[in-house]
PDB file of N, CA and C in Angstrom:
ATOM      1  N   UNK A   1       0.827  -1.188  -0.013  1.00  0.00           N
ATOM      2  CA  UNK A   1       0.013   0.003  -0.010  1.00  0.00           C
ATOM      3  C   UNK A   1       0.892   1.249   0.001  1.00  0.00           C
ATOM      4  N   UNK A   2       0.480   2.191  -0.818  1.00  0.00           N
ATOM      5  CA  UNK A   2       1.092   3.511  -0.801  1.00  0.00           C
ATOM      6  C   UNK A   2       0.010   4.508  -0.533  1.00  0.00           C
ATOM      7  N   UNK A   3       0.214   5.334   0.510  1.00  0.00           N
ATOM      8  CA  UNK A   3      -0.798   6.333   0.893  1.00  0.00           C
ATOM      9  C   UNK A   3      -0.094   7.633   1.210  1.00  0.00           C
ATOM     10  N   UNK A   4      -0.831   8.694   1.050  1.00  0.00           N
ATOM     11  CA  UNK A   4      -0.274  10.000   1.445  1.00  0.00           C
ATOM     12  C   UNK A   4      -1.340  10.902   2.057  1.00  0.00           C
ATOM     13  N   UNK A   5      -0.901  11.966   2.601  1.00  0.00           N
ATOM     14  CA  UNK A   5      -1.816  12.899   3.299  1.00  0.00           C
ATOM     15  C   UNK A   5      -1.210  14.289   3.262  1.00  0.00           C
ATOM     16  N   UNK A   6      -1.916  15.367   3.486  1.00  0.00           N
ATOM     17  CA  UNK A   6      -3.358  15.368   3.640  1.00  0.00           C
ATOM     18  C   UNK A   6      -4.074  15.356   2.268  1.00  0.00           C
ATOM     19  N   UNK A   7      -5.269  14.942   2.256  1.00  0.00           N
ATOM     20  CA  UNK A   7      -6.136  14.951   1.077  1.00  0.00           C
ATOM     21  C   UNK A   7      -7.460  15.595   1.545  1.00  0.00           C
ATOM     22  N   UNK A   8      -7.877  16.598   0.864  1.00  0.00           N
ATOM     23  CA  UNK A   8      -9.158  17.246   1.218  1.00  0.00           C
ATOM     24  C   UNK A   8     -10.321  16.299   0.843  1.00  0.00           C
ATOM     25  N   UNK A   9     -11.163  16.085   1.790  1.00  0.00           N
ATOM     26  CA  UNK A   9     -12.365  15.208   1.538  1.00  0.00           C
ATOM     27  C   UNK A   9     -13.246  15.866   0.490  1.00  0.00           C
ATOM     28  N   UNK A  10     -13.797  15.061  -0.410  1.00  0.00           N
ATOM     29  CA  UNK A  10     -14.749  15.548  -1.412  1.00  0.00           C
ATOM     30  C   UNK A  10     -16.154  15.575  -0.838  1.00  0.00           C
ATOM     31  N   UNK A  11     -16.406  14.825   0.248  1.00  0.00           N
ATOM     32  CA  UNK A  11     -17.779  14.643   0.736  1.00  0.00           C
ATOM     33  C   UNK A  11     -18.006  15.243   2.127  1.00  0.00           C
ATOM     34  N   UNK A  12     -16.941  15.551   2.860  1.00  0.00           N
ATOM     35  CA  UNK A  12     -17.077  16.103   4.195  1.00  0.00           C
ATOM     36  C   UNK A  12     -16.018  17.150   4.371  1.00  0.00           C
ATOM     37  N   UNK A  13     -16.062  17.864   5.509  1.00  0.00           N
ATOM     38  CA  UNK A  13     -15.050  18.834   5.755  1.00  0.00           C
ATOM     39  C   UNK A  13     -13.837  18.174   6.383  1.00  0.00           C
ATOM     40  N   UNK A  14     -12.712  18.736   6.163  1.00  0.00           N
ATOM     41  CA  UNK A  14     -11.486  18.224   6.810  1.00  0.00           C
ATOM     42  C   UNK A  14     -10.610  17.363   5.899  1.00  0.00           C
ATOM     43  N   UNK A  15      -9.446  17.057   6.422  1.00  0.00           N
ATOM     44  CA  UNK A  15      -8.501  16.284   5.705  1.00  0.00           C
ATOM     45  C   UNK A  15      -8.579  14.796   6.058  1.00  0.00           C
ATOM     46  N   UNK A  16      -8.344  14.010   5.031  1.00  0.00           N
ATOM     47  CA  UNK A  16      -8.325  12.555   5.181  1.00  0.00           C
ATOM     48  C   UNK A  16      -7.018  12.089   4.504  1.00  0.00           C
ATOM     49  N   UNK A  17      -6.770  10.815   4.414  1.00  0.00           N
ATOM     50  CA  UNK A  17      -5.635  10.334   3.697  1.00  0.00           C
ATOM     51  C   UNK A  17      -6.100   9.704   2.353  1.00  0.00           C
ATOM     52  N   UNK A  18      -5.173   9.562   1.460  1.00  0.00           N
ATOM     53  CA  UNK A  18      -5.451   9.054   0.111  1.00  0.00           C
ATOM     54  C   UNK A  18      -4.619   7.799  -0.097  1.00  0.00           C
ATOM     55  N   UNK A  19      -5.283   6.732  -0.578  1.00  0.00           N
ATOM     56  CA  UNK A  19      -4.582   5.460  -0.917  1.00  0.00           C
ATOM     57  C   UNK A  19      -4.287   5.574  -2.404  1.00  0.00           C
ATOM     58  N   UNK A  20      -3.025   5.682  -2.709  1.00  0.00           N
ATOM     59  CA  UNK A  20      -2.630   5.777  -4.118  1.00  0.00           C
ATOM     60  C   UNK A  20      -2.513   4.389  -4.771  1.00  0.00           C
ATOM     61  N   UNK A  21      -2.145   3.418  -3.965  1.00  0.00           N
ATOM     62  CA  UNK A  21      -1.970   2.057  -4.545  1.00  0.00           C
ATOM     63  C   UNK A  21      -2.094   1.041  -3.419  1.00  0.00           C
ATOM     64  N   UNK A  22      -2.883  -0.007  -3.713  1.00  0.00           N
ATOM     65  CA  UNK A  22      -3.044  -1.116  -2.759  1.00  0.00           C
ATOM     66  C   UNK A  22      -3.120  -2.392  -3.589  1.00  0.00           C
ATOM     67  N   UNK A  23      -2.441  -3.437  -3.134  1.00  0.00           N
ATOM     68  CA  UNK A  23      -2.474  -4.673  -3.880  1.00  0.00           C
ATOM     69  C   UNK A  23      -2.167  -5.834  -2.934  1.00  0.00           C
ATOM     70  N   UNK A  24      -2.678  -6.985  -3.256  1.00  0.00           N
ATOM     71  CA  UNK A  24      -2.349  -8.230  -2.543  1.00  0.00           C
ATOM     72  C   UNK A  24      -1.738  -9.174  -3.558  1.00  0.00           C
ATOM     73  N   UNK A  25      -1.083 -10.167  -3.065  1.00  0.00           N
ATOM     74  CA  UNK A  25      -0.472 -11.181  -3.946  1.00  0.00           C
ATOM     75  C   UNK A  25      -1.526 -11.892  -4.772  1.00  0.00           C
ATOM     76  N   UNK A  26      -1.260 -12.179  -6.032  1.00  0.00           N
ATOM     77  CA  UNK A  26      -2.226 -12.835  -6.907  1.00  0.00           C
ATOM     78  C   UNK A  26      -2.842 -14.101  -6.304  1.00  0.00           C
ATOM     79  N   UNK A  27      -2.078 -14.855  -5.492  1.00  0.00           N
ATOM     80  CA  UNK A  27      -2.619 -16.063  -4.933  1.00  0.00           C
ATOM     81  C   UNK A  27      -3.667 -15.779  -3.835  1.00  0.00           C
ATOM     82  N   UNK A  28      -3.835 -14.520  -3.440  1.00  0.00           N
ATOM     83  CA  UNK A  28      -4.825 -14.145  -2.438  1.00  0.00           C
ATOM     84  C   UNK A  28      -6.038 -13.489  -3.058  1.00  0.00           C
ATOM     85  N   UNK A  29      -6.089 -13.408  -4.353  1.00  0.00           N
ATOM     86  CA  UNK A  29      -7.246 -12.742  -5.025  1.00  0.00           C
ATOM     87  C   UNK A  29      -8.266 -13.820  -5.437  1.00  0.00           C
ATOM     88  N   UNK A  30      -9.526 -13.405  -5.369  1.00  0.00           N
ATOM     89  CA  UNK A  30     -10.606 -14.314  -5.784  1.00  0.00           C
ATOM     90  C   UNK A  30     -10.648 -14.350  -7.325  1.00  0.00           C
ATOM     91  N   UNK A  31     -10.438 -15.564  -7.847  1.00  0.00           N
ATOM     92  CA  UNK A  31     -10.542 -15.808  -9.294  1.00  0.00           C
ATOM     93  C   UNK A  31     -11.302 -17.091  -9.498  1.00  0.00           C
ATOM     94  N   UNK A  32     -11.965 -17.218 -10.654  1.00  0.00           N
ATOM     95  CA  UNK A  32     -12.718 -18.465 -10.894  1.00  0.00           C
ATOM     96  C   UNK A  32     -11.878 -19.750 -10.810  1.00  0.00           C
ATOM     97  N   UNK A  33     -10.622 -19.654 -11.195  1.00  0.00           N
ATOM     98  CA  UNK A  33      -9.815 -20.881 -11.223  1.00  0.00           C
ATOM     99  C   UNK A  33      -8.897 -21.038 -10.011  1.00  0.00           C
ATOM    100  N   UNK A  34      -9.079 -20.190  -9.014  1.00  0.00           N
ATOM    101  CA  UNK A  34      -8.142 -20.225  -7.870  1.00  0.00           C
ATOM    102  C   UNK A  34      -8.893 -19.953  -6.575  1.00  0.00           C
ATOM    103  N   UNK A  35      -8.563 -20.756  -5.579  1.00  0.00           N
ATOM    104  CA  UNK A  35      -9.070 -20.522  -4.250  1.00  0.00           C
ATOM    105  C   UNK A  35      -8.009 -19.736  -3.475  1.00  0.00           C
ATOM    106  N   UNK A  36      -8.305 -18.554  -2.944  1.00  0.00           N
ATOM    107  CA  UNK A  36      -7.304 -17.788  -2.247  1.00  0.00           C
ATOM    108  C   UNK A  36      -6.704 -18.551  -1.052  1.00  0.00           C
ATOM    109  N   UNK A  37      -5.364 -18.381  -0.869  1.00  0.00           N
ATOM    110  CA  UNK A  37      -4.681 -18.989   0.284  1.00  0.00           C
ATOM    111  C   UNK A  37      -5.054 -18.240   1.520  1.00  0.00           C
ATOM    112  N   UNK A  38      -4.999 -16.925   1.498  1.00  0.00           N
ATOM    113  CA  UNK A  38      -5.357 -16.084   2.641  1.00  0.00           C
ATOM    114  C   UNK A  38      -6.472 -15.135   2.160  1.00  0.00           C
ATOM    115  N   UNK A  39      -7.374 -14.817   3.005  1.00  0.00           N
ATOM    116  CA  UNK A  39      -8.417 -13.891   2.663  1.00  0.00           C
ATOM    117  C   UNK A  39      -8.416 -12.686   3.620  1.00  0.00           C
ATOM    118  N   UNK A  40      -8.944 -11.588   3.190  1.00  0.00           N
ATOM    119  CA  UNK A  40      -9.046 -10.423   4.041  1.00  0.00           C
ATOM    120  C   UNK A  40      -7.814  -9.568   4.128  1.00  0.00           C
ATOM    121  N   UNK A  41      -6.840  -9.819   3.235  1.00  0.00           N
ATOM    122  CA  UNK A  41      -5.590  -9.025   3.293  1.00  0.00           C
ATOM    123  C   UNK A  41      -5.846  -7.554   2.955  1.00  0.00           C
ATOM    124  N   UNK A  42      -6.648  -7.295   1.912  1.00  0.00           N
ATOM    125  CA  UNK A  42      -6.944  -5.925   1.521  1.00  0.00           C
ATOM    126  C   UNK A  42      -7.651  -5.194   2.652  1.00  0.00           C
ATOM    127  N   UNK A  43      -8.600  -5.821   3.268  1.00  0.00           N
ATOM    128  CA  UNK A  43      -9.338  -5.184   4.378  1.00  0.00           C
ATOM    129  C   UNK A  43      -8.375  -4.909   5.563  1.00  0.00           C
ATOM    130  N   UNK A  44      -7.485  -5.850   5.851  1.00  0.00           N
ATOM    131  CA  UNK A  44      -6.510  -5.685   6.944  1.00  0.00           C
ATOM    132  C   UNK A  44      -5.575  -4.509   6.655  1.00  0.00           C
ATOM    133  N   UNK A  45      -5.155  -4.347   5.427  1.00  0.00           N
ATOM    134  CA  UNK A  45      -4.267  -3.242   5.056  1.00  0.00           C
ATOM    135  C   UNK A  45      -4.994  -1.904   5.253  1.00  0.00           C
ATOM    136  N   UNK A  46      -6.255  -1.841   4.808  1.00  0.00           N
ATOM    137  CA  UNK A  46      -7.036  -0.626   4.955  1.00  0.00           C
ATOM    138  C   UNK A  46      -7.292  -0.353   6.415  1.00  0.00           C
ATOM    139  N   UNK A  47      -7.600  -1.395   7.195  1.00  0.00           N
ATOM    140  CA  UNK A  47      -7.840  -1.188   8.639  1.00  0.00           C
ATOM    141  C   UNK A  47      -6.571  -0.621   9.319  1.00  0.00           C
ATOM    142  N   UNK A  48      -5.418  -1.176   9.006  1.00  0.00           N
ATOM    143  CA  UNK A  48      -4.163  -0.700   9.599  1.00  0.00           C
ATOM    144  C   UNK A  48      -3.909   0.764   9.258  1.00  0.00           C
ATOM    145  N   UNK A  49      -4.153   1.111   7.994  1.00  0.00           N
ATOM    146  CA  UNK A  49      -3.911   2.507   7.566  1.00  0.00           C
ATOM    147  C   UNK A  49      -4.893   3.441   8.252  1.00  0.00           C
ATOM    148  N   UNK A  50      -6.159   3.070   8.371  1.00  0.00           N
ATOM    149  CA  UNK A  50      -7.156   3.932   9.068  1.00  0.00           C
ATOM    150  C   UNK A  50      -6.708   4.165  10.503  1.00  0.00           C
ATOM    151  N   UNK A  51      -6.333   3.106  11.172  1.00  0.00           N
ATOM    152  CA  UNK A  51      -5.931   3.243  12.572  1.00  0.00           C
ATOM    153  C   UNK A  51      -4.666   4.112  12.717  1.00  0.00           C
ATOM    154  N   UNK A  52      -3.732   3.919  11.805  1.00  0.00           N
ATOM    155  CA  UNK A  52      -2.461   4.706  11.870  1.00  0.00           C
ATOM    156  C   UNK A  52      -2.725   6.177  11.688  1.00  0.00           C
ATOM    157  N   UNK A  53      -3.473   6.484  10.641  1.00  0.00           N
ATOM    158  CA  UNK A  53      -3.729   7.945  10.344  1.00  0.00           C
ATOM    159  C   UNK A  53      -4.599   8.561  11.431  1.00  0.00           C
ATOM    160  N   UNK A  54      -5.491   7.809  12.012  1.00  0.00           N
ATOM    161  CA  UNK A  54      -6.371   8.337  13.083  1.00  0.00           C
ATOM    162  C   UNK A  54      -5.641   8.393  14.416  1.00  0.00           C
ATOM    163  N   UNK A  55      -5.030   7.307  14.863  1.00  0.00           N
ATOM    164  CA  UNK A  55      -4.439   7.237  16.166  1.00  0.00           C
ATOM    165  C   UNK A  55      -3.086   7.941  16.259  1.00  0.00           C
ATOM    166  N   UNK A  56      -2.219   7.687  15.286  1.00  0.00           N
ATOM    167  CA  UNK A  56      -0.844   8.228  15.352  1.00  0.00           C
ATOM    168  C   UNK A  56      -0.755   9.656  14.815  1.00  0.00           C
ATOM    169  N   UNK A  57      -1.469   9.964  13.746  1.00  0.00           N
ATOM    170  CA  UNK A  57      -1.347  11.282  13.133  1.00  0.00           C
ATOM    171  C   UNK A  57      -2.536  12.187  13.385  1.00  0.00           C
ATOM    172  N   UNK A  58      -3.513  11.702  14.150  1.00  0.00           N
ATOM    173  CA  UNK A  58      -4.647  12.469  14.521  1.00  0.00           C
ATOM    174  C   UNK A  58      -5.517  12.987  13.369  1.00  0.00           C
ATOM    175  N   UNK A  59      -5.551  12.227  12.269  1.00  0.00           N
ATOM    176  CA  UNK A  59      -6.446  12.565  11.183  1.00  0.00           C
ATOM    177  C   UNK A  59      -7.852  12.038  11.494  1.00  0.00           C
ATOM    178  N   UNK A  60      -8.845  12.670  10.995  1.00  0.00           N
ATOM    179  CA  UNK A  60     -10.193  12.177  11.185  1.00  0.00           C
ATOM    180  C   UNK A  60     -10.318  10.853  10.387  1.00  0.00           C
ATOM    181  N   UNK A  61     -11.244  10.023  10.827  1.00  0.00           N
ATOM    182  CA  UNK A  61     -11.453   8.779  10.087  1.00  0.00           C
ATOM    183  C   UNK A  61     -11.964   9.056   8.680  1.00  0.00           C
ATOM    184  N   UNK A  62     -11.446   8.319   7.716  1.00  0.00           N
ATOM    185  CA  UNK A  62     -11.884   8.450   6.345  1.00  0.00           C
ATOM    186  C   UNK A  62     -10.690   8.491   5.405  1.00  0.00           C
ATOM    187  N   UNK A  63     -10.938   8.098   4.171  1.00  0.00           N
ATOM    188  CA  UNK A  63      -9.909   8.073   3.167  1.00  0.00           C
ATOM    189  C   UNK A  63     -10.527   8.030   1.763  1.00  0.00           C
ATOM    190  N   UNK A  64      -9.741   8.298   0.757  1.00  0.00           N
ATOM    191  CA  UNK A  64     -10.234   8.202  -0.589  1.00  0.00           C
ATOM    192  C   UNK A  64      -9.217   7.436  -1.449  1.00  0.00           C
ATOM    193  N   UNK A  65      -9.684   7.035  -2.633  1.00  0.00           N
ATOM    194  CA  UNK A  65      -8.839   6.337  -3.583  1.00  0.00           C
ATOM    195  C   UNK A  65      -9.513   6.308  -4.935  1.00  0.00           C
ATOM    196  N   UNK A  66      -8.744   5.980  -5.933  1.00  0.00           N
ATOM    197  CA  UNK A  66      -9.282   5.706  -7.291  1.00  0.00           C
ATOM    198  C   UNK A  66      -9.238   4.234  -7.500  1.00  0.00           C
ATOM    199  N   UNK A  67     -10.308   3.664  -8.023  1.00  0.00           N
ATOM    200  CA  UNK A  67     -10.419   2.239  -8.142  1.00  0.00           C
ATOM    201  C   UNK A  67     -10.238   1.719  -9.569  1.00  0.00           C
ATOM    202  N   UNK A  68      -9.540   0.624  -9.669  1.00  0.00           N
ATOM    203  CA  UNK A  68      -9.550  -0.096 -10.966  1.00  0.00           C
ATOM    204  C   UNK A  68     -10.932  -0.670 -11.148  1.00  0.00           C
ATOM    205  N   UNK A  69     -11.435  -0.815 -12.397  1.00  0.00           N
ATOM    206  CA  UNK A  69     -12.820  -1.277 -12.594  1.00  0.00           C
ATOM    207  C   UNK A  69     -13.136  -2.610 -11.916  1.00  0.00           C
ATOM    208  N   UNK A  70     -12.217  -3.532 -11.887  1.00  0.00           N
ATOM    209  CA  UNK A  70     -12.483  -4.841 -11.283  1.00  0.00           C
ATOM    210  C   UNK A  70     -12.620  -4.783  -9.752  1.00  0.00           C
ATOM    211  N   UNK A  71     -12.158  -3.676  -9.125  1.00  0.00           N
ATOM    212  CA  UNK A  71     -12.179  -3.597  -7.641  1.00  0.00           C
ATOM    213  C   UNK A  71     -13.323  -2.713  -7.163  1.00  0.00           C
ATOM    214  N   UNK A  72     -14.094  -2.116  -8.039  1.00  0.00           N
ATOM    215  CA  UNK A  72     -15.146  -1.181  -7.619  1.00  0.00           C
ATOM    216  C   UNK A  72     -16.163  -1.887  -6.652  1.00  0.00           C
ATOM    217  N   UNK A  73     -16.526  -3.085  -6.939  1.00  0.00           N
ATOM    218  CA  UNK A  73     -17.535  -3.788  -6.059  1.00  0.00           C
ATOM    219  C   UNK A  73     -16.930  -4.041  -4.675  1.00  0.00           C
ATOM    220  N   UNK A  74     -15.643  -4.279  -4.599  1.00  0.00           N
ATOM    221  CA  UNK A  74     -14.972  -4.477  -3.292  1.00  0.00           C
ATOM    222  C   UNK A  74     -15.104  -3.200  -2.475  1.00  0.00           C
ATOM    223  N   UNK A  75     -14.788  -2.044  -3.054  1.00  0.00           N
ATOM    224  CA  UNK A  75     -14.843  -0.815  -2.297  1.00  0.00           C
ATOM    225  C   UNK A  75     -16.296  -0.421  -1.889  1.00  0.00           C
ATOM    226  N   UNK A  76     -17.250  -0.736  -2.759  1.00  0.00           N
ATOM    227  CA  UNK A  76     -18.652  -0.543  -2.424  1.00  0.00           C
ATOM    228  C   UNK A  76     -19.022  -1.426  -1.233  1.00  0.00           C
ATOM    229  N   UNK A  77     -18.520  -2.655  -1.237  1.00  0.00           N
ATOM    230  CA  UNK A  77     -18.856  -3.562  -0.118  1.00  0.00           C
ATOM    231  C   UNK A  77     -18.292  -3.122   1.199  1.00  0.00           C
ATOM    232  N   UNK A  78     -17.256  -2.289   1.163  1.00  0.00           N
ATOM    233  CA  UNK A  78     -16.714  -1.704   2.411  1.00  0.00           C
ATOM    234  C   UNK A  78     -17.512  -0.559   2.965  1.00  0.00           C
ATOM    235  N   UNK A  79     -18.429  -0.068   2.103  1.00  0.00           N
ATOM    236  CA  UNK A  79     -19.256   1.097   2.545  1.00  0.00           C
ATOM    237  C   UNK A  79     -18.744   2.399   2.021  1.00  0.00           C
ATOM    238  N   UNK A  80     -17.922   2.355   0.970  1.00  0.00           N
ATOM    239  CA  UNK A  80     -17.402   3.567   0.391  1.00  0.00           C
ATOM    240  C   UNK A  80     -18.408   4.189  -0.569  1.00  0.00           C
ATOM    241  N   UNK A  81     -18.348   5.494  -0.673  1.00  0.00           N
ATOM    242  CA  UNK A  81     -19.235   6.235  -1.593  1.00  0.00           C
ATOM    243  C   UNK A  81     -18.510   6.525  -2.890  1.00  0.00           C
ATOM    244  N   UNK A  82     -19.222   6.364  -3.991  1.00  0.00           N
ATOM    245  CA  UNK A  82     -18.666   6.728  -5.313  1.00  0.00           C
ATOM    246  C   UNK A  82     -18.728   8.217  -5.498  1.00  0.00           C
ATOM    247  N   UNK A  83     -17.581   8.830  -5.770  1.00  0.00           N
ATOM    248  CA  UNK A  83     -17.543  10.281  -5.986  1.00  0.00           C
ATOM    249  C   UNK A  83     -17.749  10.587  -7.462  1.00  0.00           C
ATOM    250  N   UNK A  84     -17.281   9.731  -8.333  1.00  0.00           N
ATOM    251  CA  UNK A  84     -17.429   9.928  -9.794  1.00  0.00           C
ATOM    252  C   UNK A  84     -16.140   9.618 -10.534  1.00  0.00           C
ATOM    253  N   UNK A  85     -16.272   9.619 -11.878  1.00  0.00           N
ATOM    254  CA  UNK A  85     -15.067   9.379 -12.686  1.00  0.00           C
ATOM    255  C   UNK A  85     -14.188  10.589 -12.700  1.00  0.00           C
ATOM    256  N   UNK A  86     -12.903  10.340 -12.656  1.00  0.00           N
ATOM    257  CA  UNK A  86     -11.944  11.456 -12.601  1.00  0.00           C
ATOM    258  C   UNK A  86     -11.111  11.504 -13.876  1.00  0.00           C
ATOM    259  N   UNK A  87     -11.338  12.476 -14.762  1.00  0.00           N
ATOM    260  CA  UNK A  87     -10.586  12.563 -16.017  1.00  0.00           C
ATOM    261  C   UNK A  87      -9.104  12.771 -15.775  1.00  0.00           C
ATOM    262  N   UNK A  88      -8.706  13.286 -14.610  1.00  0.00           N
ATOM    263  CA  UNK A  88      -7.271  13.466 -14.323  1.00  0.00           C
ATOM    264  C   UNK A  88      -6.568  12.163 -13.933  1.00  0.00           C
ATOM    265  N   UNK A  89      -7.369  11.113 -13.691  1.00  0.00           N
ATOM    266  CA  UNK A  89      -6.846   9.797 -13.256  1.00  0.00           C
ATOM    267  C   UNK A  89      -7.397   8.725 -14.226  1.00  0.00           C
ATOM    268  N   UNK A  90      -7.224   8.902 -15.504  1.00  0.00           N
ATOM    269  CA  UNK A  90      -7.602   7.935 -16.546  1.00  0.00           C
ATOM    270  C   UNK A  90      -9.084   7.541 -16.459  1.00  0.00           C
ATOM    271  N   UNK A  91      -9.941   8.441 -16.012  1.00  0.00           N
ATOM    272  CA  UNK A  91     -11.362   8.206 -15.857  1.00  0.00           C
ATOM    273  C   UNK A  91     -11.690   7.095 -14.863  1.00  0.00           C
ATOM    274  N   UNK A  92     -10.783   6.830 -13.971  1.00  0.00           N
ATOM    275  CA  UNK A  92     -11.030   5.862 -12.893  1.00  0.00           C
ATOM    276  C   UNK A  92     -12.060   6.465 -11.952  1.00  0.00           C
ATOM    277  N   UNK A  93     -12.901   5.596 -11.326  1.00  0.00           N
ATOM    278  CA  UNK A  93     -13.881   6.088 -10.398  1.00  0.00           C
ATOM    279  C   UNK A  93     -13.223   6.379  -9.091  1.00  0.00           C
ATOM    280  N   UNK A  94     -13.514   7.536  -8.525  1.00  0.00           N
ATOM    281  CA  UNK A  94     -12.965   7.871  -7.194  1.00  0.00           C
ATOM    282  C   UNK A  94     -14.011   7.511  -6.143  1.00  0.00           C
ATOM    283  N   UNK A  95     -13.498   6.920  -5.072  1.00  0.00           N
ATOM    284  CA  UNK A  95     -14.346   6.497  -3.967  1.00  0.00           C
ATOM    285  C   UNK A  95     -13.843   7.197  -2.705  1.00  0.00           C
ATOM    286  N   UNK A  96     -14.752   7.403  -1.769  1.00  0.00           N
ATOM    287  CA  UNK A  96     -14.381   7.941  -0.491  1.00  0.00           C
ATOM    288  C   UNK A  96     -15.096   7.237   0.640  1.00  0.00           C
ATOM    289  N   UNK A  97     -14.362   6.977   1.694  1.00  0.00           N
ATOM    290  CA  UNK A  97     -14.955   6.407   2.919  1.00  0.00           C
ATOM    291  C   UNK A  97     -15.204   7.547   3.879  1.00  0.00           C
ATOM    292  N   UNK A  98     -16.482   7.860   4.127  1.00  0.00           N
ATOM    293  CA  UNK A  98     -16.828   8.920   5.055  1.00  0.00           C
ATOM    294  C   UNK A  98     -16.463   8.503   6.478  1.00  0.00           C
ATOM    295  N   UNK A  99     -16.431   9.469   7.357  1.00  0.00           N
ATOM    296  CA  UNK A  99     -16.010   9.234   8.741  1.00  0.00           C
ATOM    297  C   UNK A  99     -16.905   8.165   9.424  1.00  0.00           C
ATOM    298  N   UNK A 100     -18.228   8.274   9.317  1.00  0.00           N
ATOM    299  CA  UNK A 100     -19.112   7.342   9.970  1.00  0.00           C
ATOM    300  C   UNK A 100     -18.964   5.947   9.340  1.00  0.00           C
ATOM    301  N   UNK A 101     -18.833   5.874   8.030  1.00  0.00           N
ATOM    302  CA  UNK A 101     -18.645   4.563   7.355  1.00  0.00           C
ATOM    303  C   UNK A 101     -17.356   3.927   7.793  1.00  0.00           C
ATOM    304  N   UNK A 102     -16.310   4.749   7.935  1.00  0.00           N
ATOM    305  CA  UNK A 102     -14.999   4.245   8.375  1.00  0.00           C
ATOM    306  C   UNK A 102     -15.116   3.681   9.810  1.00  0.00           C
ATOM    307  N   UNK A 103     -15.794   4.434  10.658  1.00  0.00           N
ATOM    308  CA  UNK A 103     -16.015   3.978  12.034  1.00  0.00           C
ATOM    309  C   UNK A 103     -16.776   2.677  12.054  1.00  0.00           C
ATOM    310  N   UNK A 104     -17.781   2.527  11.217  1.00  0.00           N
ATOM    311  CA  UNK A 104     -18.552   1.268  11.127  1.00  0.00           C
ATOM    312  C   UNK A 104     -17.662   0.160  10.627  1.00  0.00           C
ATOM    313  N   UNK A 105     -16.886   0.410   9.622  1.00  0.00           N
ATOM    314  CA  UNK A 105     -15.959  -0.591   9.068  1.00  0.00           C
ATOM    315  C   UNK A 105     -15.030  -1.076  10.158  1.00  0.00           C
ATOM    316  N   UNK A 106     -14.377  -0.149  10.936  1.00  0.00           N
ATOM    317  CA  UNK A 106     -13.449  -0.556  11.943  1.00  0.00           C
ATOM    318  C   UNK A 106     -14.145  -1.334  13.076  1.00  0.00           C
ATOM    319  N   UNK A 107     -15.401  -0.998  13.371  1.00  0.00           N
ATOM    320  CA  UNK A 107     -16.093  -1.687  14.478  1.00  0.00           C
ATOM    321  C   UNK A 107     -16.440  -3.108  14.092  1.00  0.00           C
ATOM    322  N   UNK A 108     -16.482  -3.441  12.816  1.00  0.00           N
ATOM    323  CA  UNK A 108     -16.795  -4.824  12.392  1.00  0.00           C
ATOM    324  C   UNK A 108     -15.560  -5.674  12.338  1.00  0.00           C
ATOM    325  N   UNK A 109     -14.396  -5.087  12.400  1.00  0.00           N
ATOM    326  CA  UNK A 109     -13.160  -5.846  12.284  1.00  0.00           C
ATOM    327  C   UNK A 109     -12.841  -6.503  13.603  1.00  0.00           C
ATOM    328  N   UNK A 110     -12.298  -7.659  13.580  1.00  0.00           N
ATOM    329  CA  UNK A 110     -11.858  -8.407  14.800  1.00  0.00           C
ATOM    330  C   UNK A 110     -10.371  -8.286  14.925  1.00  0.00           C
ATOM    331  N   UNK A 111      -9.913  -8.178  16.140  1.00  0.00           N
ATOM    332  CA  UNK A 111      -8.468  -8.042  16.400  1.00  0.00           C
ATOM    333  C   UNK A 111      -7.768  -9.299  15.990  1.00  0.00           C
ATOM    334  N   UNK A 112      -6.603  -9.155  15.427  1.00  0.00           N
ATOM    335  CA  UNK A 112      -5.812 -10.325  14.977  1.00  0.00           C
ATOM    336  C   UNK A 112      -4.664 -10.492  15.907  1.00  0.00           C
TER     337      UNK A 112
END
């Protein structure tokens, strides 16, 4: 994961962080011909980043990112809001996790 801050929220007031790049190993991705070895890696990375930016750097909960088309349903399933296509980022759809949605996401996670 590569993330930076501050990023102005498109949907709320205040600064959030921005995930520029996130990926898991191919053997952990859901594919028709493959059963993932480990699951939940992407969610765990996002959880760690949210906690770091909130607890260590005192940012409000929330983040944004641009999604590859195949990952859009994943981000929607996390409770992220679709902001719209961004012509400055190859028309990728920008998503944002609002503060309350981020809090809900973190409350559903179990400690590892």
